[in-house]
Amino acid sequence: MLHTAEAMARELGFSRMIVSTADIQRAAFRFYTKSGFKRARSEIAEAMTVKQAGGSLLRHYFEKAL
């Protein structure tokens, strides 16, 4: 699915892809790293949102040139 998303993004003219995961999702962290993404930044979420399970979670943002 990731390869399909990358191909679609390229076709739409995007030059990079940004993804994120929480520190508690170690498998996703490894998956993105093995898929060629580089960690761009990490930050602690202040509060729970509809996109995040809870506050005080460490989130990692990864970026990849397409």
PDB file of N, CA and C in Angstrom:
ATOM      1  N   MET A   1       0.820  -1.189   0.000  1.00  0.00           N
ATOM      2  CA  MET A   1       0.000   0.000   0.000  1.00  0.00           C
ATOM      3  C   MET A   1       0.862   1.249   0.000  1.00  0.00           C
ATOM      4  N   LEU A   2       1.993   1.187   0.709  1.00  0.00           N
ATOM      5  CA  LEU A   2       2.868   2.356   0.759  1.00  0.00           C
ATOM      6  C   LEU A   2       3.412   2.673  -0.626  1.00  0.00           C
ATOM      7  N   HIS A   3       3.833   1.654  -1.368  1.00  0.00           N
ATOM      8  CA  HIS A   3       4.354   1.885  -2.718  1.00  0.00           C
ATOM      9  C   HIS A   3       3.279   2.493  -3.625  1.00  0.00           C
ATOM     10  N   THR A   4       2.052   2.053  -3.475  1.00  0.00           N
ATOM     11  CA  THR A   4       0.947   2.601  -4.257  1.00  0.00           C
ATOM     12  C   THR A   4       0.711   4.064  -3.898  1.00  0.00           C
ATOM     13  N   ALA A   5       0.732   4.371  -2.606  1.00  0.00           N
ATOM     14  CA  ALA A   5       0.547   5.759  -2.162  1.00  0.00           C
ATOM     15  C   ALA A   5       1.666   6.647  -2.688  1.00  0.00           C
ATOM     16  N   GLU A   6       2.904   6.142  -2.658  1.00  0.00           N
ATOM     17  CA  GLU A   6       4.032   6.918  -3.179  1.00  0.00           C
ATOM     18  C   GLU A   6       3.877   7.163  -4.679  1.00  0.00           C
ATOM     19  N   ALA A   7       3.491   6.132  -5.427  1.00  0.00           N
ATOM     20  CA  ALA A   7       3.305   6.275  -6.877  1.00  0.00           C
ATOM     21  C   ALA A   7       2.197   7.283  -7.186  1.00  0.00           C
ATOM     22  N   MET A   8       1.103   7.206  -6.455  1.00  0.00           N
ATOM     23  CA  MET A   8      -0.001   8.146  -6.673  1.00  0.00           C
ATOM     24  C   MET A   8       0.431   9.570  -6.354  1.00  0.00           C
ATOM     25  N   ALA A   9       1.183   9.741  -5.286  1.00  0.00           N
ATOM     26  CA  ALA A   9       1.652  11.079  -4.909  1.00  0.00           C
ATOM     27  C   ALA A   9       2.566  11.642  -5.995  1.00  0.00           C
ATOM     28  N   ARG A  10       3.453  10.800  -6.535  1.00  0.00           N
ATOM     29  CA  ARG A  10       4.326  11.247  -7.629  1.00  0.00           C
ATOM     30  C   ARG A  10       3.491  11.680  -8.840  1.00  0.00           C
ATOM     31  N   GLU A  11       2.492  10.861  -9.198  1.00  0.00           N
ATOM     32  CA  GLU A  11       1.636  11.179 -10.345  1.00  0.00           C
ATOM     33  C   GLU A  11       0.899  12.505 -10.147  1.00  0.00           C
ATOM     34  N   LEU A  12       0.580  12.820  -8.902  1.00  0.00           N
ATOM     35  CA  LEU A  12      -0.118  14.070  -8.602  1.00  0.00           C
ATOM     36  C   LEU A  12       0.832  15.261  -8.486  1.00  0.00           C
ATOM     37  N   GLY A  13       2.135  15.004  -8.629  1.00  0.00           N
ATOM     38  CA  GLY A  13       3.111  16.089  -8.629  1.00  0.00           C
ATOM     39  C   GLY A  13       3.760  16.391  -7.292  1.00  0.00           C
ATOM     40  N   PHE A  14       3.546  15.558  -6.304  1.00  0.00           N
ATOM     41  CA  PHE A  14       4.176  15.784  -5.008  1.00  0.00           C
ATOM     42  C   PHE A  14       5.645  15.379  -5.065  1.00  0.00           C
ATOM     43  N   SER A  15       6.494  16.103  -4.364  1.00  0.00           N
ATOM     44  CA  SER A  15       7.925  15.810  -4.374  1.00  0.00           C
ATOM     45  C   SER A  15       8.403  15.147  -3.090  1.00  0.00           C
ATOM     46  N   ARG A  16       7.537  15.094  -2.076  1.00  0.00           N
ATOM     47  CA  ARG A  16       7.915  14.426  -0.829  1.00  0.00           C
ATOM     48  C   ARG A  16       6.673  13.913  -0.125  1.00  0.00           C
ATOM     49  N   MET A  17       6.899  12.961   0.768  1.00  0.00           N
ATOM     50  CA  MET A  17       5.815  12.383   1.556  1.00  0.00           C
ATOM     51  C   MET A  17       6.213  12.486   3.027  1.00  0.00           C
ATOM     52  N   ILE A  18       5.261  12.878   3.851  1.00  0.00           N
ATOM     53  CA  ILE A  18       5.477  12.983   5.287  1.00  0.00           C
ATOM     54  C   ILE A  18       4.500  12.047   5.985  1.00  0.00           C
ATOM     55  N   VAL A  19       5.017  11.232   6.898  1.00  0.00           N
ATOM     56  CA  VAL A  19       4.194  10.305   7.677  1.00  0.00           C
ATOM     57  C   VAL A  19       4.555  10.487   9.151  1.00  0.00           C
ATOM     58  N   SER A  20       3.698   9.997  10.036  1.00  0.00           N
ATOM     59  CA  SER A  20       4.005  10.087  11.461  1.00  0.00           C
ATOM     60  C   SER A  20       3.506   8.856  12.186  1.00  0.00           C
ATOM     61  N   THR A  21       4.088   8.618  13.331  1.00  0.00           N
ATOM     62  CA  THR A  21       3.689   7.509  14.194  1.00  0.00           C
ATOM     63  C   THR A  21       4.037   7.863  15.629  1.00  0.00           C
ATOM     64  N   ALA A  22       3.391   7.194  16.555  1.00  0.00           N
ATOM     65  CA  ALA A  22       3.679   7.414  17.974  1.00  0.00           C
ATOM     66  C   ALA A  22       4.810   6.491  18.419  1.00  0.00           C
ATOM     67  N   ASP A  23       5.490   6.877  19.458  1.00  0.00           N
ATOM     68  CA  ASP A  23       6.605   6.103  19.984  1.00  0.00           C
ATOM     69  C   ASP A  23       6.173   4.690  20.384  1.00  0.00           C
ATOM     70  N   ILE A  24       4.929   4.529  20.796  1.00  0.00           N
ATOM     71  CA  ILE A  24       4.456   3.215  21.228  1.00  0.00           C
ATOM     72  C   ILE A  24       4.273   2.255  20.046  1.00  0.00           C
ATOM     73  N   GLN A  25       4.306   2.770  18.823  1.00  0.00           N
ATOM     74  CA  GLN A  25       4.171   1.929  17.629  1.00  0.00           C
ATOM     75  C   GLN A  25       5.545   1.667  17.031  1.00  0.00           C
ATOM     76  N   ARG A  26       6.342   0.894  17.732  1.00  0.00           N
ATOM     77  CA  ARG A  26       7.724   0.635  17.325  1.00  0.00           C
ATOM     78  C   ARG A  26       7.814  -0.059  15.959  1.00  0.00           C
ATOM     79  N   ALA A  27       6.847  -0.927  15.650  1.00  0.00           N
ATOM     80  CA  ALA A  27       6.865  -1.614  14.349  1.00  0.00           C
ATOM     81  C   ALA A  27       6.709  -0.598  13.209  1.00  0.00           C
ATOM     82  N   ALA A  28       5.860   0.403  13.385  1.00  0.00           N
ATOM     83  CA  ALA A  28       5.676   1.432  12.359  1.00  0.00           C
ATOM     84  C   ALA A  28       6.944   2.262  12.211  1.00  0.00           C
ATOM     85  N   PHE A  29       7.589   2.561  13.311  1.00  0.00           N
ATOM     86  CA  PHE A  29       8.856   3.305  13.304  1.00  0.00           C
ATOM     87  C   PHE A  29       9.875   2.554  12.446  1.00  0.00           C
ATOM     88  N   ARG A  30      10.024   1.254  12.684  1.00  0.00           N
ATOM     89  CA  ARG A  30      10.967   0.432  11.905  1.00  0.00           C
ATOM     90  C   ARG A  30      10.540   0.332  10.441  1.00  0.00           C
ATOM     91  N   PHE A  31       9.238   0.174  10.203  1.00  0.00           N
ATOM     92  CA  PHE A  31       8.729   0.057   8.838  1.00  0.00           C
ATOM     93  C   PHE A  31       9.074   1.297   8.018  1.00  0.00           C
ATOM     94  N   TYR A  32       8.798   2.465   8.552  1.00  0.00           N
ATOM     95  CA  TYR A  32       9.088   3.693   7.811  1.00  0.00           C
ATOM     96  C   TYR A  32      10.586   3.847   7.566  1.00  0.00           C
ATOM     97  N   THR A  33      11.389   3.542   8.553  1.00  0.00           N
ATOM     98  CA  THR A  33      12.841   3.635   8.401  1.00  0.00           C
ATOM     99  C   THR A  33      13.328   2.687   7.312  1.00  0.00           C
ATOM    100  N   LYS A  34      12.864   1.450   7.336  1.00  0.00           N
ATOM    101  CA  LYS A  34      13.266   0.472   6.320  1.00  0.00           C
ATOM    102  C   LYS A  34      12.728   0.824   4.939  1.00  0.00           C
ATOM    103  N   SER A  35      11.680   1.624   4.880  1.00  0.00           N
ATOM    104  CA  SER A  35      11.073   2.020   3.607  1.00  0.00           C
ATOM    105  C   SER A  35      11.698   3.280   3.032  1.00  0.00           C
ATOM    106  N   GLY A  36      12.788   3.744   3.632  1.00  0.00           N
ATOM    107  CA  GLY A  36      13.517   4.882   3.086  1.00  0.00           C
ATOM    108  C   GLY A  36      13.167   6.237   3.656  1.00  0.00           C
ATOM    109  N   PHE A  37      12.302   6.281   4.666  1.00  0.00           N
ATOM    110  CA  PHE A  37      11.956   7.548   5.303  1.00  0.00           C
ATOM    111  C   PHE A  37      13.030   7.928   6.316  1.00  0.00           C
ATOM    112  N   LYS A  38      13.264   9.213   6.448  1.00  0.00           N
ATOM    113  CA  LYS A  38      14.206   9.751   7.433  1.00  0.00           C
ATOM    114  C   LYS A  38      13.413  10.526   8.474  1.00  0.00           C
ATOM    115  N   ARG A  39      13.785  10.352   9.738  1.00  0.00           N
ATOM    116  CA  ARG A  39      13.070  11.076  10.793  1.00  0.00           C
ATOM    117  C   ARG A  39      13.366  12.562  10.665  1.00  0.00           C
ATOM    118  N   ALA A  40      12.320  13.356  10.541  1.00  0.00           N
ATOM    119  CA  ALA A  40      12.445  14.812  10.401  1.00  0.00           C
ATOM    120  C   ALA A  40      12.405  15.500  11.757  1.00  0.00           C
ATOM    121  N   ARG A  41      11.532  14.999  12.631  1.00  0.00           N
ATOM    122  CA  ARG A  41      11.438  15.591  13.971  1.00  0.00           C
ATOM    123  C   ARG A  41      10.625  14.678  14.875  1.00  0.00           C
ATOM    124  N   SER A  42      10.747  14.922  16.152  1.00  0.00           N
ATOM    125  CA  SER A  42       9.943  14.223  17.155  1.00  0.00           C
ATOM    126  C   SER A  42       9.428  15.263  18.127  1.00  0.00           C
ATOM    127  N   GLU A  43       8.225  15.047  18.646  1.00  0.00           N
ATOM    128  CA  GLU A  43       7.669  15.994  19.609  1.00  0.00           C
ATOM    129  C   GLU A  43       6.684  15.275  20.518  1.00  0.00           C
ATOM    130  N   ILE A  44       6.508  15.823  21.682  1.00  0.00           N
ATOM    131  CA  ILE A  44       5.542  15.270  22.629  1.00  0.00           C
ATOM    132  C   ILE A  44       4.217  15.984  22.428  1.00  0.00           C
ATOM    133  N   ALA A  45       3.180  15.197  22.189  1.00  0.00           N
ATOM    134  CA  ALA A  45       1.848  15.766  21.995  1.00  0.00           C
ATOM    135  C   ALA A  45       1.330  16.299  23.328  1.00  0.00           C
ATOM    136  N   GLU A  46       0.786  17.479  23.294  1.00  0.00           N
ATOM    137  CA  GLU A  46       0.288  18.117  24.515  1.00  0.00           C
ATOM    138  C   GLU A  46      -1.016  17.500  25.007  1.00  0.00           C
ATOM    139  N   ALA A  47      -1.902  17.170  24.067  1.00  0.00           N
ATOM    140  CA  ALA A  47      -3.231  16.694  24.466  1.00  0.00           C
ATOM    141  C   ALA A  47      -3.749  15.664  23.478  1.00  0.00           C
ATOM    142  N   MET A  48      -4.748  14.932  23.892  1.00  0.00           N
ATOM    143  CA  MET A  48      -5.399  13.965  23.025  1.00  0.00           C
ATOM    144  C   MET A  48      -6.214  14.694  21.955  1.00  0.00           C
ATOM    145  N   THR A  49      -6.178  14.171  20.724  1.00  0.00           N
ATOM    146  CA  THR A  49      -6.981  14.725  19.633  1.00  0.00           C
ATOM    147  C   THR A  49      -7.687  13.567  18.925  1.00  0.00           C
ATOM    148  N   VAL A  50      -8.487  13.887  17.913  1.00  0.00           N
ATOM    149  CA  VAL A  50      -9.158  12.832  17.155  1.00  0.00           C
ATOM    150  C   VAL A  50      -8.170  12.012  16.329  1.00  0.00           C
ATOM    151  N   LYS A  51      -6.970  12.535  16.118  1.00  0.00           N
ATOM    152  CA  LYS A  51      -5.942  11.824  15.360  1.00  0.00           C
ATOM    153  C   LYS A  51      -4.946  11.098  16.260  1.00  0.00           C
ATOM    154  N   GLN A  52      -5.088  11.239  17.555  1.00  0.00           N
ATOM    155  CA  GLN A  52      -4.086  10.701  18.469  1.00  0.00           C
ATOM    156  C   GLN A  52      -4.730  10.100  19.694  1.00  0.00           C
ATOM    157  N   ALA A  53      -4.177   8.989  20.138  1.00  0.00           N
ATOM    158  CA  ALA A  53      -4.772   8.233  21.247  1.00  0.00           C
ATOM    159  C   ALA A  53      -4.718   8.957  22.586  1.00  0.00           C
ATOM    160  N   GLY A  54      -3.717   9.761  22.830  1.00  0.00           N
ATOM    161  CA  GLY A  54      -3.645  10.425  24.125  1.00  0.00           C
ATOM    162  C   GLY A  54      -2.575  11.486  24.174  1.00  0.00           C
ATOM    163  N   GLY A  55      -2.656  12.326  25.194  1.00  0.00           N
ATOM    164  CA  GLY A  55      -1.654  13.354  25.396  1.00  0.00           C
ATOM    165  C   GLY A  55      -0.377  12.756  25.948  1.00  0.00           C
ATOM    166  N   SER A  56       0.696  13.493  25.870  1.00  0.00           N
ATOM    167  CA  SER A  56       2.010  13.114  26.361  1.00  0.00           C
ATOM    168  C   SER A  56       2.664  11.976  25.583  1.00  0.00           C
ATOM    169  N   LEU A  57       2.137  11.641  24.422  1.00  0.00           N
ATOM    170  CA  LEU A  57       2.762  10.624  23.576  1.00  0.00           C
ATOM    171  C   LEU A  57       3.868  11.265  22.743  1.00  0.00           C
ATOM    172  N   LEU A  58       4.959  10.550  22.612  1.00  0.00           N
ATOM    173  CA  LEU A  58       6.044  11.007  21.751  1.00  0.00           C
ATOM    174  C   LEU A  58       5.719  10.616  20.317  1.00  0.00           C
ATOM    175  N   ARG A  59       5.620  11.605  19.423  1.00  0.00           N
ATOM    176  CA  ARG A  59       5.314  11.360  18.015  1.00  0.00           C
ATOM    177  C   ARG A  59       6.567  11.608  17.181  1.00  0.00           C
ATOM    178  N   HIS A  60       6.744  10.782  16.169  1.00  0.00           N
ATOM    179  CA  HIS A  60       7.867  10.901  15.245  1.00  0.00           C
ATOM    180  C   HIS A  60       7.326  11.196  13.853  1.00  0.00           C
ATOM    181  N   TYR A  61       7.916  12.165  13.198  1.00  0.00           N
ATOM    182  CA  TYR A  61       7.538  12.549  11.840  1.00  0.00           C
ATOM    183  C   TYR A  61       8.677  12.180  10.903  1.00  0.00           C
ATOM    184  N   PHE A  62       8.330  11.484   9.828  1.00  0.00           N
ATOM    185  CA  PHE A  62       9.306  11.005   8.859  1.00  0.00           C
ATOM    186  C   PHE A  62       9.019  11.646   7.511  1.00  0.00           C
ATOM    187  N   GLU A  63      10.082  11.805   6.719  1.00  0.00           N
ATOM    188  CA  GLU A  63       9.951  12.424   5.409  1.00  0.00           C
ATOM    189  C   GLU A  63      10.744  11.619   4.386  1.00  0.00           C
ATOM    190  N   LYS A  64      10.214  11.578   3.149  1.00  0.00           N
ATOM    191  CA  LYS A  64      10.894  10.867   2.066  1.00  0.00           C
ATOM    192  C   LYS A  64      10.700  11.638   0.777  1.00  0.00           C
ATOM    193  N   ALA A  65      11.787  11.838   0.050  1.00  0.00           N
ATOM    194  CA  ALA A  65      11.685  12.456  -1.269  1.00  0.00           C
ATOM    195  C   ALA A  65      11.102  11.441  -2.236  1.00  0.00           C
ATOM    196  N   LEU A  66      10.226  11.909  -3.096  1.00  0.00           N
ATOM    197  CA  LEU A  66       9.579  11.003  -4.053  1.00  0.00           C
ATOM    198  C   LEU A  66      10.227  11.077  -5.424  1.00  0.00           C
TER     199      LEU A  66
END
